[in-house]
Protein backbone atom coordinates (compact mmCIF):
# COMPACT_ATOMS: atom_id res chain seq x y z
CA MET A 1 3.57 18.36 -63.04
CA SER A 2 5.13 20.45 -60.28
CA ALA A 3 3.17 20.71 -57.04
CA PRO A 4 1.02 23.83 -56.55
CA PHE A 5 2.50 24.30 -53.06
CA PRO A 6 5.95 23.28 -51.75
CA LEU A 7 6.08 19.48 -51.66
CA ILE A 8 8.24 17.97 -48.93
CA ASP A 9 8.92 14.27 -49.51
CA LEU A 10 9.97 12.52 -46.30
CA ARG A 11 9.20 8.92 -47.26
CA HIS A 12 12.85 8.01 -46.70
CA LEU A 13 12.79 9.14 -43.04
CA GLY A 14 11.24 6.58 -40.72
CA ASP A 15 12.44 8.28 -37.53
CA ALA A 16 9.73 10.71 -36.40
CA ARG A 17 12.00 13.29 -34.78
CA GLN A 18 14.33 13.38 -37.78
CA ARG A 19 11.31 13.72 -40.04
CA GLY A 20 10.01 16.63 -37.98
CA ARG A 21 13.40 18.35 -38.06
CA ALA A 22 13.59 17.98 -41.83
CA ILE A 23 10.10 19.44 -42.31
CA GLY A 24 10.88 22.26 -39.88
CA GLN A 25 14.07 23.17 -41.70
CA ALA A 26 12.43 23.02 -45.14
CA THR A 27 9.38 25.08 -44.15
CA ARG A 28 10.88 27.46 -41.55
CA GLU A 29 9.51 30.64 -43.16
CA ARG A 30 6.05 29.14 -43.71
CA ILE A 31 5.93 27.96 -40.09
CA ALA A 32 6.81 31.50 -38.99
CA ARG A 33 3.85 32.72 -41.05
CA SER A 34 1.55 30.18 -39.38
CA LEU A 35 2.76 31.25 -35.96
CA SER A 36 2.12 34.95 -36.63
CA THR A 37 -1.31 34.16 -38.09
CA TYR A 38 -2.45 32.13 -35.11
CA ALA A 39 -0.85 34.31 -32.46
CA HIS A 40 -2.88 37.22 -33.79
CA LEU A 41 -6.03 35.19 -34.41
CA PHE A 42 -5.98 33.78 -30.87
CA ALA A 43 -5.46 37.30 -29.49
CA LEU A 44 -8.42 38.62 -31.50
CA ALA A 45 -10.42 35.83 -29.85
CA GLY A 46 -9.19 36.95 -26.41
CA VAL A 47 -6.33 34.45 -25.93
CA SER A 48 -2.77 35.79 -25.74
CA TRP A 49 0.02 33.77 -27.32
CA ALA A 50 1.41 32.91 -23.86
CA GLN A 51 -2.03 31.63 -22.84
CA ALA A 52 -2.34 29.66 -26.10
CA CYS A 53 0.99 27.94 -25.51
CA GLU A 54 0.02 27.13 -21.94
CA ARG A 55 -3.28 25.61 -23.09
CA ALA A 56 -1.43 23.58 -25.72
CA ARG A 57 0.89 21.98 -23.15
CA ARG A 58 -1.94 20.00 -21.61
CA TYR A 59 -2.47 18.10 -24.87
CA ARG A 60 1.06 16.71 -25.04
CA ASP A 61 0.32 13.70 -22.86
CA VAL A 62 -2.87 12.74 -24.70
CA ILE A 63 -1.06 13.01 -28.05
CA GLY A 64 1.65 10.78 -26.61
CA ALA A 65 -0.95 8.27 -25.44
CA LEU A 66 -2.44 8.23 -28.94
CA ASP A 67 0.91 7.89 -30.73
CA ALA A 68 4.24 8.80 -29.13
CA SER A 69 5.83 9.25 -32.56
CA LEU A 70 3.56 12.24 -33.23
CA VAL A 71 4.93 14.01 -30.15
CA GLU A 72 8.42 13.24 -31.45
CA GLU A 73 7.51 14.71 -34.85
CA ILE A 74 6.07 17.89 -33.32
CA GLU A 75 9.16 18.36 -31.18
CA GLY A 76 11.35 17.70 -34.23
CA LEU A 77 9.39 20.39 -36.10
CA ALA A 78 10.18 22.84 -33.32
CA GLU A 79 13.87 21.96 -33.40
CA GLY A 80 14.03 22.20 -37.19
CA CYS A 81 12.43 25.64 -37.42
CA GLY A 82 14.03 27.03 -34.25
CA GLN A 83 10.78 27.61 -32.33
CA ALA A 84 9.63 26.49 -28.89
CA ARG A 85 7.90 23.11 -28.82
CA GLU A 86 4.86 24.72 -27.13
CA ALA A 87 4.51 26.97 -30.17
CA LEU A 88 4.26 23.96 -32.49
CA LEU A 89 1.86 22.26 -30.07
CA ALA A 90 -0.29 25.41 -30.20
CA LEU A 91 -0.46 25.21 -34.00
CA ASN A 92 -1.56 21.58 -33.82
CA CYS A 93 -4.16 22.42 -31.16
CA ARG A 94 -5.58 25.50 -32.87
CA SER A 95 -9.15 24.18 -32.93
CA GLU A 96 -8.97 23.44 -29.21
CA ILE A 97 -7.51 26.85 -28.29
CA LEU A 98 -10.08 28.87 -30.23
CA PRO A 99 -13.00 29.59 -27.86
CA PRO A 100 -16.29 27.67 -28.23
CA ASN A 101 -18.16 30.91 -29.02
CA TYR A 102 -15.88 31.61 -31.98
CA PHE A 103 -18.85 31.53 -34.39
CA SER A 104 -21.25 33.43 -32.14
CA GLY A 105 -20.65 36.95 -33.38
CA GLN A 106 -20.07 38.07 -29.79
CA THR A 107 -17.44 40.71 -29.11
CA LEU A 108 -14.46 38.92 -27.63
CA ALA A 109 -12.03 40.49 -25.15
CA SER A 110 -9.16 41.01 -27.57
CA ALA A 111 -7.59 44.25 -26.31
CA GLY A 112 -5.78 42.68 -23.35
CA ALA A 113 -4.53 39.70 -25.37
CA LEU A 114 -3.28 41.94 -28.19
CA ALA A 115 -1.50 44.15 -25.65
CA ALA A 116 0.09 41.11 -24.00
CA ASN A 117 1.36 39.91 -27.39
CA ARG A 118 2.83 43.33 -28.20
CA ALA A 119 4.54 43.49 -24.81
CA ALA A 120 6.05 40.03 -25.43
CA GLY A 121 7.21 41.01 -28.93
CA VAL A 122 4.87 38.51 -30.63
CA ALA A 123 4.30 39.41 -34.27
CA GLY A 124 0.74 39.87 -35.53
CA TRP A 125 -0.98 41.05 -38.70
CA ALA A 126 -0.68 44.57 -40.01
CA GLY A 127 -3.97 46.45 -40.05
CA ALA A 128 -6.22 43.73 -38.61
CA ASN A 129 -7.79 44.59 -35.27
CA GLY A 130 -10.97 42.55 -35.33
CA LEU A 131 -12.18 39.11 -36.35
CA PRO A 132 -13.64 38.80 -39.85
CA GLU A 133 -17.42 38.69 -39.69
CA ASP A 134 -17.89 35.30 -41.31
CA LEU A 135 -15.33 32.90 -39.90
CA SER A 136 -17.26 29.78 -40.89
CA GLU A 137 -15.30 27.91 -43.52
CA CYS A 138 -15.19 25.08 -46.04
CA THR A 139 -17.74 23.24 -48.12
CA ALA A 140 -17.12 19.50 -48.56
CA ILE A 141 -18.66 16.65 -50.54
CA SER A 142 -18.18 12.89 -50.28
CA VAL A 143 -19.40 10.86 -53.26
CA ALA A 144 -20.00 7.10 -53.11
CA ALA A 145 -19.17 4.93 -56.11
CA ARG A 146 -22.83 4.49 -57.03
CA ALA A 147 -23.16 8.27 -57.54
CA SER A 148 -20.07 8.75 -59.69
CA ALA A 149 -19.60 8.52 -63.43
CA ASN A 150 -16.63 6.13 -63.21
CA GLY A 151 -17.76 3.97 -60.28
CA HIS A 152 -15.13 5.50 -57.99
CA ALA A 153 -15.55 7.17 -54.60
CA TRP A 154 -14.57 10.85 -54.39
CA MET A 155 -13.96 13.48 -51.72
CA ALA A 156 -13.70 17.17 -52.59
CA GLN A 157 -13.71 20.44 -50.70
CA ASN A 158 -12.80 24.08 -50.73
CA TRP A 159 -10.55 25.07 -47.89
CA ASP A 160 -11.82 28.47 -46.76
CA TRP A 161 -9.59 30.24 -44.29
CA ILE A 162 -7.75 33.47 -43.60
CA GLY A 163 -6.32 34.41 -46.98
CA ARG A 164 -2.82 35.16 -45.68
CA GLN A 165 -2.44 31.48 -44.78
CA ARG A 166 -2.26 30.51 -48.45
CA GLY A 167 1.38 31.52 -48.12
CA ALA A 168 1.84 28.95 -45.34
CA LEU A 169 0.44 25.89 -47.13
CA VAL A 170 2.63 22.86 -47.82
CA ILE A 171 2.16 19.35 -49.17
CA LEU A 172 3.79 16.60 -47.12
CA ARG A 173 4.50 13.07 -48.33
CA LEU A 174 5.26 10.88 -45.34
CA PRO A 175 5.76 7.22 -44.49
CA GLY A 176 2.55 5.75 -43.11
CA ALA A 177 2.56 4.12 -39.70
CA GLN A 178 1.39 0.83 -41.23
CA GLY A 179 3.27 0.91 -44.52
CA GLY A 180 2.67 2.84 -47.71
CA ASP A 181 2.69 6.60 -47.57
CA VAL A 182 0.51 9.52 -46.58
CA ARG A 183 0.00 12.70 -48.60
CA THR A 184 -1.49 15.76 -46.94
CA LEU A 185 -2.10 19.41 -47.77
CA THR A 186 -1.71 21.29 -44.51
CA GLU A 187 -0.54 24.50 -42.88
CA ALA A 188 3.18 24.57 -42.19
CA GLY A 189 3.80 23.34 -38.65
CA MET A 190 0.68 21.14 -38.52
CA LEU A 191 0.79 17.35 -38.77
CA ALA A 192 -2.00 17.03 -41.35
CA LYS A 193 -5.23 18.36 -42.74
CA ILE A 194 -6.72 17.26 -46.10
CA GLY A 195 -5.13 14.04 -47.32
CA LEU A 196 -4.94 10.68 -49.03
CA ASN A 197 -2.99 7.52 -48.24
CA ASP A 198 -1.73 4.66 -50.39
CA ALA A 199 -4.66 2.46 -49.35
CA GLY A 200 -7.03 4.89 -51.06
CA PHE A 201 -8.45 6.38 -47.86
CA ALA A 202 -9.15 10.11 -48.27
CA LEU A 203 -10.32 12.70 -45.76
CA GLY A 204 -10.96 16.42 -45.41
CA LEU A 205 -12.04 18.85 -42.70
CA ASN A 206 -14.86 21.25 -41.85
CA ILE A 207 -14.57 23.10 -38.57
CA LEU A 208 -17.54 22.81 -36.18
CA ARG A 209 -18.00 24.39 -32.75
CA SER A 210 -19.30 22.81 -29.53
CA PRO A 211 -19.69 24.52 -26.14
CA ARG A 212 -17.39 21.78 -24.78
CA ASP A 213 -14.48 22.53 -27.13
CA GLY A 214 -11.20 22.77 -25.26
CA ALA A 215 -12.84 22.11 -21.90
CA GLN A 216 -10.82 18.98 -21.20
CA PRO A 217 -7.93 17.10 -22.78
CA GLY A 218 -8.72 14.80 -25.67
CA VAL A 219 -7.29 14.08 -29.10
CA PRO A 220 -6.81 17.40 -30.97
CA VAL A 221 -8.51 17.61 -34.37
CA HIS A 222 -5.39 18.00 -36.53
CA VAL A 223 -3.61 15.23 -34.65
CA LEU A 224 -6.67 13.03 -35.22
CA LEU A 225 -6.53 13.69 -38.97
CA ARG A 226 -2.91 12.54 -39.16
CA HIS A 227 -3.65 9.51 -37.00
CA LEU A 228 -6.52 8.49 -39.28
CA LEU A 229 -4.40 8.91 -42.42
CA ASP A 230 -1.66 6.86 -40.78
CA ARG A 231 -3.88 4.03 -39.56
CA CYS A 232 -7.00 3.71 -41.72
CA ALA A 233 -7.44 1.92 -45.04
CA SER A 234 -11.23 2.22 -45.21
CA LEU A 235 -14.31 3.78 -43.66
CA ALA A 236 -14.76 0.56 -41.69
CA ASP A 237 -11.32 1.13 -40.13
CA LEU A 238 -12.31 4.71 -39.38
CA ARG A 239 -15.49 3.73 -37.57
CA GLU A 240 -13.62 1.21 -35.44
CA ARG A 241 -10.92 3.74 -34.56
CA LEU A 242 -13.37 6.54 -33.71
CA ALA A 243 -15.31 4.19 -31.44
CA ARG A 244 -12.11 3.15 -29.68
CA LEU A 245 -10.95 6.74 -29.21
CA ALA A 246 -14.35 7.92 -27.96
CA ALA A 247 -14.21 5.23 -25.27
CA SER A 248 -10.64 6.03 -24.21
CA LEU A 249 -8.96 9.37 -24.94
CA GLY A 250 -11.97 11.28 -26.29
CA PHE A 251 -12.03 14.20 -28.71
CA ALA A 252 -10.93 17.66 -27.64
CA ALA A 253 -12.93 19.76 -30.11
CA ALA A 254 -15.63 19.49 -32.75
CA SER A 255 -15.09 19.03 -36.47
CA ASN A 256 -16.52 17.21 -39.46
CA VAL A 257 -14.31 14.76 -41.37
CA PRO A 258 -15.59 14.01 -44.91
CA CYS A 259 -14.19 10.70 -46.19
CA ALA A 260 -14.04 8.30 -49.12
CA ASP A 261 -12.23 5.00 -49.66
CA ALA A 262 -10.93 2.90 -52.52
CA ALA A 263 -13.75 0.34 -52.14
CA GLY A 264 -16.30 2.97 -53.16
CA HIS A 265 -17.65 4.07 -49.78
CA ALA A 266 -18.17 7.69 -48.73
CA ALA A 267 -19.60 9.52 -45.70
CA SER A 268 -18.97 12.39 -43.30
CA PHE A 269 -18.05 11.86 -39.67
CA GLU A 270 -18.80 14.48 -37.04
CA VAL A 271 -16.64 14.40 -33.92
CA ALA A 272 -17.08 16.38 -30.71
CA PRO A 273 -16.16 16.11 -27.04
CA ALA A 274 -19.56 14.42 -26.60
CA GLY A 275 -18.73 11.65 -29.11
CA TRP A 276 -19.02 11.05 -32.83
CA ALA A 277 -21.69 10.34 -35.44
CA GLU A 278 -21.83 9.40 -39.10
CA LEU A 279 -23.63 11.33 -41.81
CA ALA A 280 -24.34 8.64 -44.40
CA PRO A 281 -24.77 9.49 -48.09
CA ASP A 282 -28.25 10.51 -49.17
CA ALA A 283 -30.38 8.59 -51.66
CA GLU A 284 -28.22 9.91 -54.50
CA GLY A 285 -25.06 8.62 -52.81
CA VAL A 286 -23.69 12.00 -51.68
CA ALA A 287 -22.86 13.51 -48.27
CA LEU A 288 -22.57 17.31 -48.24
CA HIS A 289 -21.35 19.34 -45.26
CA THR A 290 -20.51 22.88 -44.25
CA ASN A 291 -19.95 24.21 -40.70
CA HIS A 292 -22.82 23.16 -38.49
CA PHE A 293 -23.83 19.79 -37.03
CA LEU A 294 -26.16 17.69 -39.19
CA CYS A 295 -26.21 14.37 -37.30
CA GLU A 296 -29.26 14.15 -35.05
CA SER A 297 -27.35 12.71 -32.08
CA LEU A 298 -25.00 15.72 -31.99
CA LEU A 299 -27.37 18.61 -32.79
CA ALA A 300 -27.41 19.63 -29.12
CA GLU A 301 -23.64 20.14 -29.33
CA GLN A 302 -23.95 23.11 -31.67
CA SER A 303 -22.47 26.33 -30.28
CA PRO A 304 -24.47 29.48 -31.00
CA MET A 305 -23.85 30.78 -34.51
CA ALA A 306 -24.34 34.38 -35.58
CA ASN A 307 -27.26 34.82 -37.97
CA PHE A 308 -24.98 36.29 -40.65
CA LEU A 309 -22.80 33.18 -40.94
CA SER A 310 -22.86 31.43 -44.31
CA SER A 311 -22.93 27.76 -43.29
CA GLY A 312 -26.63 27.23 -43.97
CA PRO A 313 -26.82 29.12 -47.28
CA ARG A 314 -23.68 27.42 -48.59
CA LEU A 315 -25.13 24.00 -47.79
CA ALA A 316 -28.34 24.91 -49.62
CA THR A 317 -26.36 26.10 -52.65
CA ALA A 318 -24.31 22.89 -52.66
CA ARG A 319 -27.49 20.79 -52.52
CA GLY A 320 -28.69 22.69 -55.57
CA HIS A 321 -25.89 21.02 -57.56
CA GLN A 322 -27.41 17.58 -57.01
CA GLY A 323 -29.63 15.79 -59.48
CA ARG A 324 -27.60 16.82 -62.52
CA GLY A 325 -26.32 13.35 -63.37
CA PRO A 326 -23.39 11.27 -62.14
CA TRP A 327 -20.55 13.05 -60.40
CA ASP A 328 -17.12 13.28 -61.99
CA ARG A 329 -14.09 15.54 -61.62
CA GLU A 330 -15.59 18.24 -63.83
CA ARG A 331 -18.84 18.36 -61.82
CA LEU A 332 -16.91 18.49 -58.55
CA ALA A 333 -14.79 21.33 -59.90
CA ALA A 334 -17.96 23.17 -60.97
CA LEU A 335 -19.35 22.85 -57.43
CA LEU A 336 -16.14 24.19 -55.90
CA ARG A 337 -16.14 27.09 -58.39
CA ASP A 338 -19.69 28.23 -57.53
CA GLU A 339 -19.67 31.99 -56.85
CA SER A 340 -23.44 32.49 -56.88
CA ASP A 341 -23.65 33.86 -53.32
CA GLY A 342 -21.16 36.70 -53.60
CA TYR A 343 -18.54 36.97 -50.89
CA LEU A 344 -20.15 34.13 -48.94
CA SER A 345 -20.11 31.65 -51.82
CA ILE A 346 -18.82 28.08 -51.92
CA CYS A 347 -15.92 29.60 -53.88
CA ARG A 348 -15.19 32.51 -51.63
CA ALA A 349 -13.35 35.67 -52.63
CA GLY A 350 -12.17 37.85 -49.78
CA ASP A 351 -14.53 40.69 -48.87
CA PRO A 352 -12.76 43.88 -50.02
CA ALA A 353 -14.39 45.80 -47.15
CA LEU A 354 -12.14 43.87 -44.74
CA PRO A 355 -8.39 44.39 -44.24
CA PRO A 356 -6.51 42.20 -46.75
CA GLU A 357 -4.76 40.30 -43.98
CA ALA A 358 -8.04 39.30 -42.33
CA ARG A 359 -10.16 38.23 -45.31
CA VAL A 360 -11.62 34.73 -45.30
CA GLU A 361 -11.39 33.19 -48.76
CA SER A 362 -10.91 29.87 -50.52
CA VAL A 363 -7.18 29.39 -50.05
CA ALA A 364 -7.27 26.14 -52.05
CA GLY A 365 -9.59 23.58 -53.59
CA VAL A 366 -9.00 19.82 -53.45
CA ILE A 367 -10.52 16.95 -55.45
CA ILE A 368 -9.60 13.35 -54.57
CA ASP A 369 -10.43 10.17 -56.48
CA ALA A 370 -10.01 7.70 -53.62
CA THR A 371 -10.43 4.61 -55.79
CA ALA A 372 -7.75 5.72 -58.26
CA ARG A 373 -5.63 7.17 -55.42
CA ARG A 374 -5.23 10.44 -57.31
CA TRP A 375 -5.73 14.04 -56.27
CA TRP A 376 -5.84 17.51 -57.77
CA ILE A 377 -5.26 20.84 -56.01
CA ALA A 378 -6.23 24.38 -57.06
CA PRO A 379 -3.73 26.67 -55.29
CA ASP A 380 -6.05 29.69 -55.21
CA LEU A 381 -9.76 30.39 -55.57
CA PRO A 382 -10.89 27.48 -57.76
CA SER A 383 -12.67 29.99 -60.00
CA ARG A 384 -9.31 31.46 -61.01
CA ALA A 385 -6.97 28.46 -60.73
CA GLU A 386 -6.75 25.10 -62.45
CA PHE A 387 -6.90 21.87 -60.47
CA ALA A 388 -3.37 20.52 -60.94
CA PRO A 389 -2.63 16.80 -60.47
CA VAL A 390 -0.16 16.13 -57.66
CA ASP A 391 2.09 13.07 -57.54
């Protein structure tokens, strides 16, 4: 079956810069869309595009220390799409550039940043002059083998984000750093996001916010995701790598990484500048996560969240799906299609009261059978799109 988003197969290119150039050339228009989305989003959060690019530069060295080939790939992306390398760095450091109070509901100083972008000729969104009210995003589930109908481990999530970014999504198939290949659904210009490798290691992403986000260089979230897909074959590998990184380079911003592996293990891993922690499956064998810290050791890292954000209610709704028997692909799809909470549901339709360009919605749904090394993607709200298998 054809892929639900453009699929770029680079398994034949082992040279990182060449690979980046090829991706940049193939996804030039989608990268341009990502750049306009984030330039405007950063400005709405009080950060001009020039400031965002300047902030991104300080992460180049830490990315190089993690894996020099990833710097080469980012710079190849810039060459391939005809953009400045700092612009592609800014895309890959988006979580670090967004301010720590991004979820707070506070009014951010956007007027000056928007004016600076206009003066510099930086494209933005038409008709969007304020941040959407509920910018929390994504509901994820990790299912251990003992909780599934077929004895496999699963990872599934809705990817909730600014609806216009659906037009920037791509699927990359890349050579892994240790053999095999890596498949990832990501925004054009970014190294990785949700993915699966040939070893049967699967991961996703829920954004979190810590007051320390972006305060000092560390491994950027989206670079970390690619590194983990490149280097990990299991949750045991992941734990070892997170411990090593926490003791050396550190993490630049907070996020949750839901995972599953071919051996049947599943869990969620919260990372933050203060460290990392593991949310183990509950008694049923399931780990559910939305957009606030759940691990006791990191609760103090939570940035203030506005009382209208949906992270708590979505988590409660997701927990309501438990206890209905073993999990399988159909049950996971039913969870991701839940629209019981209106515009703030697990399956989120954009609020029609907001400008179309600024609506947060489920841009895609993903279900991964880590044990079988198979995945399915719904290229729209899961309630109105089928989950298509992707090779």
